[in-house]
Amino acid sequence: MAVDKTPATSPIITAGSSSSSSDVLKPRSPLDDHRLSFNHTKDLHTHLSKQASHGSSSGRQDRGRSRSRESERTVAPDNDELQVTAMPSGSGFHNIEEAGEKARKRDDWIAISNFHPGWFSVNMGTGITAILLQNLPYQFPGLHYIAVVLFILNVIIFFLFLTISITRYCLWPDKFKAMLAHPAHSMLLGTFPMGFATIINCIVFICVPVWGEWASRFAWGLWWIDAAVSVAICYFVPFMLMTKHTSSLETMTAAWLLPIVAPVVAAASGGVVADSLQNDTHALITILVCYAMWGSAVPLAMVILVIYFQRLAIHKLVPRAAIVSALLPIGPLGQGGFGLMQLGVVAKRVFPRLDFLAPIAGDIFYVMGAFIAMIMWGFGLIWLWFALASFTRGKFYFNIGWWAFTFPLGVFTTATTQMGKEFNSPFFDILGTVSLGVLSSQSCVILEKRVLTLGLSSSSLLLLLACGC
């Protein structure tokens, strides 16, 4: 006789074919209950009544033992083994845990199915914070280690999101075409190479000083991949906007800038990588490619800004759900200015060594880069004012677009600190430090909103921090 020692709440009868006494039968499905004969049910009812009568005449301890024996009893009339299994009340409730597990797995697959490229904006925000902490004009002990932790966290987040994306498009290939045809999700493709660029920059700033030249060459190889993806997105997505997407001036948002800004970010990242290369020829090739990418993207971004200003003037502010995109215009202006200054620094060093163009060519590129960067930084100030003024016009609620706060303000801060470095100006150093403080506070608010939105417990919060969500 098989005995199930699981505590009982109310018994469920399961039947099976004849077997040895050591076999333990699995619980039956609800439909199997109808196969029990009337005599079997009657015998069981009689036995349970006797047990209940015996329990009522005994003490509390005896009643507990009676119910335990009742739940563990096995009846086998007509060579059919009947096992009394401890399960919750109601036939079929024994499948609740299994159904719950299936529901959780189904929800996981639904989450993967609904994943979109916009999640890489988390990489952009995390990475730019690490870069700024590493290059802050006013350092204090321990700041470097905070930047290292954020860098490692950013790498984990990036590869997690990349794995989810690959899984999504492998399981549902049609979703890739649907994403490209979507007027909003296709614009978010630019977040992928921009998030990847922050990792490349962190490799240069954090790993190259420790690991040496091979880390610089490794970053250079990664940069070529990032540059190719950025250019492809910049050329392809706007053409899709012209030919496939249905849009109007009223529905336009600053998210149109995202695929166009990707080469601007890649060009700035190329200046950082070129500065770490010991091979001057490789550095020169990188510089020239970066100037070409900068020239193909920044003027187009200016065109988008003109259209966006017209949209704001005619149709007023964008809906509150998309109001956070008001900060996006300072992205190409801040990163474009930083990129020109960084490329000028490398050109000033590399051009004379290779006798490229003219002896003073490097100095000209450097001076012109700083001059244009200053103009772009000033242009970014007016868009920053427009964004901040827009935020005061009413309430807006948390969504994934809040990550758009971090990266544009972060790259604008990098341009500020770079000007402080090149101009030897304490004003820009202090302003960049203050901007970083605002950026860090902003990141904490976004994390808090994310936690409150998910309704996480304290243990889940630790997991959230570990996963960078």
Foldseek 3Di string as FASTA:
>chain_A
DDFDQDDADDWDKDKDAADDRPDDDDHDALVCVVVDDPVVVVVLVVVVVVLVVVLVVDDPVSVSVSVSCNQGDWDQPPRMIIGTHGDDPDGRNNCVVVVVVVVVVVVVVVCLLPDALLVLLLLLQLLLLLVCLLPAPDHDPPSPVVSVVSLVLSVLLLVVSVVSPVVNCVVPVVVVVVQLLDLQRLLSLLSNLSSVLSNLLCLLSPVCVPPHQVSLVVSVVSLVVSLVSLVCSLVPSVVCVVPRYDDDLLQDFLSNLRSLCSLLSSLLSLLSSLVRHPDLVSSVVSLVVSVVSLVVRLVVLVVVVVSNVVSCVPNNAHDLQQLLSLLVSLQSLLSNLSSQQSSLVSLLVRCCVVVNPHNCVSVVSNVVSNVSSVVSLVVSVVSVVVSVVSPPPDDHADDSSLSSNRNSLSSNLSSLVSCCVVVVNVVSSVVSVVSSVVNVVSVVVNLVSVCVVVVDDPVVSVVCVSNSD
